[in-house]
Amino acid sequence: MDLLRWFRFLWALGIEWDRATREDARDFMLWMKVADKPTRIHWRHRGKALSKVPPPRSGRPAPGTPNPVTGKPTVGAKYSPATRAHCETVLREFYNFHLNESTGSLLVNPFPLVRGRRLSQLGTQRDGGKKHRIRRTGLYRPTVPQRVPRRIPDEMYTKVFAGLRSHRDRALLAFWVATGARAEELLTVKQGGAIVGEQTVSVIRKGTRDYQDLAATPDAFVWLRLYQESAWKKGVPRGRHHPLWWTLRRPWRPLEYDAARMMFNRANDLLGANWTLHDLRHTATFLMLDDPNMPPVYVQKILGHKYLSTLDIYNRPTRDDVIRAGLAHHARQEKRREATPVPVDEPSYNPDSLSILFGRDAS
């Protein structure tokens, strides 16, 4: 999609892809910053006249505004910094490949890296003059803000779980929160990978493609067994090497990410929320880190992260934590103001000491 967007930009200007200059790349990145994203028409209404296409549903938050339930911003009308940064990286690597292969009439990469004095000045400004290892980045790459991971509160998770329609969906949700696996990792599990006796599920890790056993809760296996019994009675293929998750209707097909995402979105719509499947992974991480008896290095291995420092983002206070702490502070202040002051006795002299001082009879 990033390449197609870039090619369409060049076609509009009448420029061949191997004749693009750095000025064209700069203009493209500036265009992505100010342009609105194209509106996608639902597949049911493709080919129809615009007058026959129904208007979007009312009552939804405006694009880019925070969701009233989760606090997460909705998808905006403009291209996000993360999308623009991803596009810049894809195009830079695309031209690097063709430069190495001597394809076409390329002389330079239109998406260069920051070099020379500009790189040293950039590193000094960002780190206050401290010497450190400077990582080279794209010249036209935008700054991507660091996002704080979101967790689903326990009471909202219960409501989302209650809104699911089948045992399969309940089992999926329970496994995602229990194992902390990525959505795609859990969806590609085979039936032989769910080991009930050991209470583990075997997933193929993203990137390394290694097998890893992840521990799950007994409730997750209960929902899985209920789903399997009902699915096998309907004729779903059964065997150790068959996929664990299938569609609910014929023809039987392995459950893919898009279908699982739409399933979770339907549960979100009941609450007016906009959580994602990856937020379930964040929720599992928060639950594990909140356990004082769970070493962070084990959490790192469960998540499949390469470095322990990747857990630092979970130590930052979330929106809910900040609001909860602020409300607790105001409650303590109000309680302190409303408390009845305890009368304090004024300091006085000891009568025996006065008698001795002035020579009075103690009797």
Protein backbone atom coordinates (compact mmCIF):
# COMPACT_ATOMS: atom_id res chain seq x y z
CA MET A 1 0.00 0.00 0.00
CA ASP A 2 2.88 2.38 0.72
CA LEU A 3 4.40 1.75 -2.70
CA LEU A 4 1.04 2.15 -4.42
CA ARG A 5 0.48 5.47 -2.66
CA TRP A 6 3.92 6.68 -3.78
CA PHE A 7 3.43 5.51 -7.37
CA ARG A 8 0.06 7.25 -7.61
CA PHE A 9 1.70 10.44 -6.40
CA LEU A 10 4.36 10.15 -9.09
CA TRP A 11 1.83 9.30 -11.80
CA ALA A 12 -0.13 12.44 -10.96
CA LEU A 13 3.06 14.46 -11.51
CA GLY A 14 4.11 12.51 -14.59
CA ILE A 15 7.38 11.29 -13.04
CA GLU A 16 8.90 7.85 -13.51
CA TRP A 17 9.71 5.98 -10.31
CA ASP A 18 13.42 5.77 -11.15
CA ARG A 19 13.58 9.50 -11.94
CA ALA A 20 12.23 10.73 -8.61
CA THR A 21 14.39 13.24 -6.73
CA ARG A 22 14.70 14.17 -3.09
CA GLU A 23 12.47 17.16 -3.69
CA ASP A 24 9.74 14.80 -4.90
CA ALA A 25 10.16 12.65 -1.79
CA ARG A 26 10.01 15.72 0.43
CA ASP A 27 6.84 16.93 -1.30
CA PHE A 28 5.30 13.48 -0.95
CA MET A 29 5.92 13.37 2.80
CA LEU A 30 4.51 16.89 3.17
CA TRP A 31 1.46 15.86 1.14
CA MET A 32 0.86 12.89 3.44
CA LYS A 33 0.99 15.27 6.40
CA VAL A 34 -1.78 17.57 5.13
CA ALA A 35 -3.91 15.28 2.92
CA ASP A 36 -7.05 13.50 4.08
CA LYS A 37 -7.17 9.74 3.89
CA PRO A 38 -9.50 8.38 1.20
CA THR A 39 -12.81 7.11 2.50
CA ARG A 40 -13.28 3.42 1.90
CA ILE A 41 -16.70 2.32 0.68
CA HIS A 42 -18.06 -0.89 2.15
CA TRP A 43 -17.78 -3.82 -0.21
CA ARG A 44 -21.58 -4.22 -0.25
CA HIS A 45 -21.95 -0.74 -1.77
CA ARG A 46 -19.08 -0.77 -4.26
CA GLY A 47 -20.19 0.12 -7.77
CA LYS A 48 -23.26 2.01 -6.57
CA ALA A 49 -23.91 5.69 -7.07
CA LEU A 50 -22.94 7.94 -4.17
CA SER A 51 -26.59 8.90 -3.69
CA LYS A 52 -27.46 5.25 -2.99
CA VAL A 53 -24.69 4.71 -0.45
CA PRO A 54 -26.15 4.99 3.08
CA PRO A 55 -24.59 7.63 5.34
CA PRO A 56 -22.26 6.53 8.16
CA ARG A 57 -23.77 5.57 11.47
CA SER A 58 -24.61 8.44 13.77
CA GLY A 59 -23.55 8.64 17.39
CA ARG A 60 -19.95 7.66 16.79
CA PRO A 61 -17.12 9.94 18.00
CA ALA A 62 -15.65 12.31 15.45
CA PRO A 63 -12.43 11.09 13.78
CA GLY A 64 -9.40 11.69 15.95
CA THR A 65 -11.36 12.36 19.16
CA PRO A 66 -10.98 10.20 22.30
CA ASN A 67 -13.40 7.35 22.77
CA PRO A 68 -15.70 8.08 25.75
CA VAL A 69 -15.32 4.53 27.11
CA THR A 70 -11.65 3.71 26.59
CA GLY A 71 -10.06 7.14 26.23
CA LYS A 72 -8.18 5.94 23.15
CA PRO A 73 -8.29 8.32 20.19
CA THR A 74 -10.32 7.12 17.25
CA VAL A 75 -8.82 6.81 13.80
CA GLY A 76 -8.27 10.33 12.47
CA ALA A 77 -9.00 11.77 9.05
CA LYS A 78 -5.29 12.46 8.42
CA TYR A 79 -2.41 10.02 8.06
CA SER A 80 -0.94 9.34 11.49
CA PRO A 81 2.78 9.91 12.19
CA ALA A 82 3.24 6.14 12.54
CA THR A 83 1.76 5.56 9.07
CA ARG A 84 3.96 8.25 7.54
CA ALA A 85 7.05 6.89 9.27
CA HIS A 86 6.29 3.35 8.08
CA CYS A 87 5.78 4.61 4.53
CA GLU A 88 9.12 6.46 4.59
CA THR A 89 10.94 3.34 5.78
CA VAL A 90 9.34 1.13 3.13
CA LEU A 91 10.18 3.52 0.30
CA ARG A 92 13.76 4.07 1.51
CA GLU A 93 14.41 0.33 1.63
CA PHE A 94 12.70 -0.11 -1.75
CA TYR A 95 15.10 2.33 -3.39
CA ASN A 96 18.09 0.90 -1.49
CA PHE A 97 17.33 -2.50 -2.97
CA HIS A 98 17.09 -1.19 -6.53
CA LEU A 99 20.24 0.91 -6.09
CA ASN A 100 22.15 -2.21 -5.08
CA GLU A 101 20.68 -4.10 -8.04
CA SER A 102 21.36 -1.18 -10.44
CA THR A 103 17.76 -1.21 -11.62
CA GLY A 104 16.56 1.49 -13.99
CA SER A 105 18.17 4.93 -14.07
CA LEU A 106 18.58 5.42 -10.33
CA LEU A 107 21.50 7.57 -9.19
CA VAL A 108 20.56 8.42 -5.60
CA ASN A 109 17.96 7.35 -3.09
CA PRO A 110 15.21 10.00 -2.96
CA PHE A 111 14.60 9.05 0.69
CA PRO A 112 18.05 9.60 2.24
CA LEU A 113 19.31 9.12 5.77
CA VAL A 114 20.37 11.99 8.01
CA ARG A 115 24.10 12.45 7.49
CA GLY A 116 27.12 14.49 8.60
CA ARG A 117 26.73 17.70 10.55
CA ARG A 118 22.95 17.49 10.51
CA LEU A 119 23.11 14.13 12.31
CA SER A 120 25.50 15.36 15.02
CA GLN A 121 23.44 18.50 15.61
CA LEU A 122 20.26 16.45 15.82
CA GLY A 123 21.77 14.12 18.42
CA THR A 124 23.12 17.02 20.50
CA GLN A 125 19.79 18.83 20.53
CA ARG A 126 17.86 15.74 21.57
CA ASP A 127 20.19 14.69 24.38
CA GLY A 128 21.38 17.99 25.79
CA GLY A 129 24.93 17.72 24.47
CA LYS A 130 25.62 14.28 25.97
CA LYS A 131 27.75 11.89 23.98
CA HIS A 132 25.86 8.78 22.95
CA ARG A 133 25.43 6.42 20.07
CA ILE A 134 23.41 8.19 17.40
CA ARG A 135 21.08 6.02 15.38
CA ARG A 136 20.73 7.12 11.79
CA THR A 137 17.20 7.87 10.71
CA GLY A 138 15.43 9.02 7.58
CA LEU A 139 15.76 12.67 6.61
CA TYR A 140 12.03 12.99 5.91
CA ARG A 141 10.90 10.61 8.63
CA PRO A 142 8.39 12.22 11.05
CA THR A 143 8.70 11.98 14.80
CA VAL A 144 6.41 9.28 16.15
CA PRO A 145 5.08 9.98 19.67
CA GLN A 146 5.51 7.23 22.23
CA ARG A 147 2.15 5.62 22.93
CA VAL A 148 1.26 4.36 26.38
CA PRO A 149 -0.18 0.81 26.20
CA ARG A 150 -3.81 0.45 27.22
CA ARG A 151 -5.26 -2.22 29.42
CA ILE A 152 -8.87 -3.35 29.62
CA PRO A 153 -10.19 -2.89 33.18
CA ASP A 154 -11.55 -5.97 34.88
CA GLU A 155 -15.14 -4.74 34.96
CA MET A 156 -15.05 -3.80 31.27
CA TYR A 157 -13.40 -7.08 30.35
CA THR A 158 -16.31 -8.89 32.00
CA LYS A 159 -18.76 -6.89 29.89
CA VAL A 160 -16.83 -7.59 26.69
CA PHE A 161 -16.69 -11.29 27.56
CA ALA A 162 -20.44 -11.32 28.18
CA GLY A 163 -21.04 -9.78 24.76
CA LEU A 164 -19.40 -12.65 22.88
CA ARG A 165 -21.72 -14.98 20.99
CA SER A 166 -20.00 -18.37 20.93
CA HIS A 167 -17.76 -20.65 22.96
CA ARG A 168 -15.04 -20.20 20.33
CA ASP A 169 -14.94 -16.44 20.88
CA ARG A 170 -14.91 -16.85 24.65
CA ALA A 171 -12.06 -19.36 24.44
CA LEU A 172 -10.07 -17.04 22.17
CA LEU A 173 -10.48 -14.10 24.52
CA ALA A 174 -9.54 -16.18 27.55
CA PHE A 175 -6.40 -17.50 25.85
CA TRP A 176 -5.29 -14.06 24.63
CA VAL A 177 -5.48 -12.58 28.12
CA ALA A 178 -4.01 -15.66 29.81
CA THR A 179 -1.02 -16.24 27.52
CA GLY A 180 -0.16 -12.75 26.31
CA ALA A 181 0.37 -14.14 22.81
CA ARG A 182 -0.09 -12.01 19.74
CA ALA A 183 -3.38 -12.41 17.91
CA GLU A 184 -1.82 -14.06 14.86
CA GLU A 185 0.31 -16.37 17.01
CA LEU A 186 -2.72 -17.83 18.76
CA LEU A 187 -4.77 -18.12 15.58
CA THR A 188 -2.12 -20.34 13.93
CA VAL A 189 -2.05 -22.92 16.75
CA LYS A 190 -2.76 -26.52 15.75
CA GLN A 191 -5.09 -28.80 17.67
CA GLY A 192 -2.12 -30.78 18.93
CA GLY A 193 -0.59 -27.59 20.32
CA ALA A 194 -3.21 -27.25 23.07
CA ILE A 195 -1.93 -29.59 25.78
CA VAL A 196 -4.58 -29.86 28.48
CA GLY A 197 -2.51 -32.01 30.84
CA GLU A 198 0.32 -29.46 31.00
CA GLN A 199 -2.09 -26.51 30.72
CA THR A 200 -0.02 -24.98 27.91
CA VAL A 201 -0.49 -23.95 24.31
CA SER A 202 2.29 -24.04 21.69
CA VAL A 203 2.62 -20.98 19.47
CA ILE A 204 4.99 -20.02 16.65
CA ARG A 205 6.69 -16.78 17.58
CA LYS A 206 6.62 -13.80 15.26
CA GLY A 207 10.01 -13.04 13.74
CA THR A 208 12.05 -15.97 15.05
CA ARG A 209 9.43 -18.58 14.02
CA ASP A 210 10.38 -20.61 17.10
CA TYR A 211 7.95 -22.84 18.97
CA GLN A 212 7.18 -21.74 22.50
CA ASP A 213 4.86 -23.20 25.11
CA LEU A 214 2.78 -20.64 26.99
CA ALA A 215 0.86 -21.31 30.18
CA ALA A 216 -2.89 -20.65 30.20
CA THR A 217 -5.65 -20.65 32.80
CA PRO A 218 -7.97 -23.60 33.49
CA ASP A 219 -10.94 -21.44 32.46
CA ALA A 220 -9.46 -20.99 29.01
CA PHE A 221 -9.24 -24.75 28.51
CA VAL A 222 -12.80 -25.19 29.76
CA TRP A 223 -14.09 -22.79 27.11
CA LEU A 224 -11.86 -24.46 24.52
CA ARG A 225 -13.30 -27.88 25.31
CA LEU A 226 -16.85 -26.57 25.08
CA TYR A 227 -16.05 -25.05 21.69
CA GLN A 228 -14.37 -28.21 20.39
CA GLU A 229 -17.20 -30.51 21.42
CA SER A 230 -19.81 -28.35 19.71
CA ALA A 231 -17.62 -27.84 16.62
CA TRP A 232 -16.78 -31.51 16.17
CA LYS A 233 -20.46 -32.42 16.31
CA LYS A 234 -21.06 -30.04 13.41
CA GLY A 235 -18.33 -31.65 11.31
CA VAL A 236 -15.27 -29.47 11.88
CA PRO A 237 -12.07 -31.36 10.87
CA ARG A 238 -10.43 -33.12 13.78
CA GLY A 239 -6.76 -34.03 14.12
CA ARG A 240 -3.50 -32.99 15.72
CA HIS A 241 -2.25 -31.26 12.58
CA HIS A 242 -5.49 -29.41 11.84
CA PRO A 243 -5.96 -25.77 12.89
CA LEU A 244 -7.38 -25.21 16.35
CA TRP A 245 -9.71 -22.35 15.37
CA TRP A 246 -12.30 -22.60 12.59
CA THR A 247 -15.14 -20.55 11.21
CA LEU A 248 -18.55 -21.14 12.75
CA ARG A 249 -20.33 -21.93 9.48
CA ARG A 250 -19.74 -24.07 6.42
CA PRO A 251 -17.62 -24.26 4.40
CA TRP A 252 -15.16 -24.83 7.23
CA ARG A 253 -12.14 -22.57 6.94
CA PRO A 254 -9.35 -21.77 9.41
CA LEU A 255 -10.12 -18.61 11.35
CA GLU A 256 -8.04 -15.70 10.09
CA TYR A 257 -7.04 -12.45 11.72
CA ASP A 258 -9.59 -10.27 9.92
CA ALA A 259 -12.49 -12.46 11.02
CA ALA A 260 -11.23 -12.50 14.62
CA ARG A 261 -10.85 -8.73 14.56
CA MET A 262 -14.41 -8.25 13.35
CA MET A 263 -15.63 -10.61 16.06
CA PHE A 264 -13.93 -8.46 18.71
CA ASN A 265 -15.20 -5.26 17.10
CA ARG A 266 -18.79 -6.50 17.36
CA ALA A 267 -18.30 -7.01 21.09
CA ASN A 268 -16.79 -3.53 21.28
CA ASP A 269 -19.80 -2.01 19.56
CA LEU A 270 -22.07 -3.20 22.35
CA LEU A 271 -20.13 -1.00 24.79
CA GLY A 272 -19.19 1.79 22.41
CA ALA A 273 -15.50 0.96 22.94
CA ASN A 274 -12.58 0.81 20.51
CA TRP A 275 -10.19 -1.68 22.07
CA THR A 276 -8.10 -3.80 19.74
CA LEU A 277 -6.88 -7.37 19.86
CA HIS A 278 -3.41 -6.12 20.76
CA ASP A 279 -4.87 -4.43 23.85
CA LEU A 280 -5.57 -7.94 25.14
CA ARG A 281 -1.82 -8.59 24.99
CA HIS A 282 -1.22 -5.35 26.90
CA THR A 283 -3.82 -6.42 29.47
CA ALA A 284 -2.04 -9.74 30.00
CA THR A 285 1.27 -7.92 30.42
CA PHE A 286 -0.14 -5.55 33.04
CA LEU A 287 -1.66 -8.47 34.95
CA MET A 288 1.66 -10.31 35.04
CA LEU A 289 3.68 -7.24 36.04
CA ASP A 290 1.19 -6.41 38.80
CA ASP A 291 2.03 -9.75 40.43
CA PRO A 292 4.93 -9.10 42.86
CA ASN A 293 5.96 -12.76 42.65
CA MET A 294 6.34 -12.65 38.85
CA PRO A 295 9.90 -11.66 37.84
CA PRO A 296 9.97 -9.24 34.87
CA VAL A 297 12.47 -11.44 33.04
CA TYR A 298 9.83 -14.19 32.91
CA VAL A 299 7.31 -11.72 31.53
CA GLN A 300 9.84 -10.81 28.85
CA LYS A 301 10.19 -14.46 27.84
CA ILE A 302 6.43 -15.00 27.81
CA LEU A 303 5.90 -12.00 25.55
CA GLY A 304 8.73 -13.08 23.26
CA HIS A 305 10.62 -9.79 23.57
CA LYS A 306 14.33 -9.68 22.85
CA TYR A 307 15.23 -7.09 25.48
CA LEU A 308 14.02 -6.54 29.02
CA SER A 309 13.95 -2.79 28.41
CA THR A 310 10.85 -3.22 26.24
CA LEU A 311 8.84 -3.54 29.46
CA ASP A 312 9.69 0.03 30.47
CA ILE A 313 6.60 1.39 28.71
CA TYR A 314 4.42 -0.57 31.14
CA ASN A 315 5.95 1.26 34.11
CA ARG A 316 4.56 4.58 32.95
CA PRO A 317 1.27 5.65 34.52
CA THR A 318 -1.69 5.10 32.24
CA ARG A 319 -4.60 7.46 31.78
CA ASP A 320 -6.75 5.47 34.21
CA ASP A 321 -3.97 5.39 36.81
CA VAL A 322 -3.51 9.17 36.64
CA ILE A 323 -7.24 9.85 36.93
CA ARG A 324 -7.60 7.36 39.80
CA ALA A 325 -4.67 8.94 41.68
CA GLY A 326 -6.06 12.45 41.15
CA LEU A 327 -9.52 11.50 42.41
CA ALA A 328 -8.00 9.81 45.46
CA HIS A 329 -5.99 12.95 46.22
CA HIS A 330 -9.09 15.17 46.06
CA ALA A 331 -11.00 12.71 48.27
CA ARG A 332 -8.26 12.84 50.91
CA GLN A 333 -8.22 16.64 50.82
CA GLU A 334 -12.00 16.78 51.19
CA LYS A 335 -11.92 14.33 54.07
CA ARG A 336 -9.24 16.38 55.78
CA ARG A 337 -11.28 19.58 55.48
CA GLU A 338 -14.46 17.95 56.77
CA ALA A 339 -12.78 16.29 59.74
CA THR A 340 -13.74 17.85 63.12
CA PRO A 341 -10.65 19.43 64.67
CA VAL A 342 -9.59 17.74 67.90
CA PRO A 343 -9.31 20.28 70.76
CA VAL A 344 -5.79 20.63 72.01
CA ASP A 345 -5.15 21.47 75.68
CA GLU A 346 -3.25 24.69 76.15
CA PRO A 347 0.13 24.30 77.82
CA SER A 348 0.08 24.99 81.58
CA TYR A 349 2.52 24.86 84.48
CA ASN A 350 2.69 21.99 86.90
CA PRO A 351 1.04 23.05 90.24
CA ASP A 352 3.72 21.28 92.29
CA SER A 353 6.42 23.22 90.52
CA LEU A 354 4.62 26.52 91.24
CA SER A 355 4.30 25.64 94.96
CA ILE A 356 7.98 24.93 95.25
CA LEU A 357 8.87 28.10 93.34
CA PHE A 358 6.71 30.48 95.41
CA GLY A 359 6.98 28.65 98.73
CA ARG A 360 3.33 27.76 98.98
CA ASP A 361 1.99 24.88 100.97
CA ALA A 362 1.24 22.02 98.64
CA SER A 363 -1.73 21.13 100.83
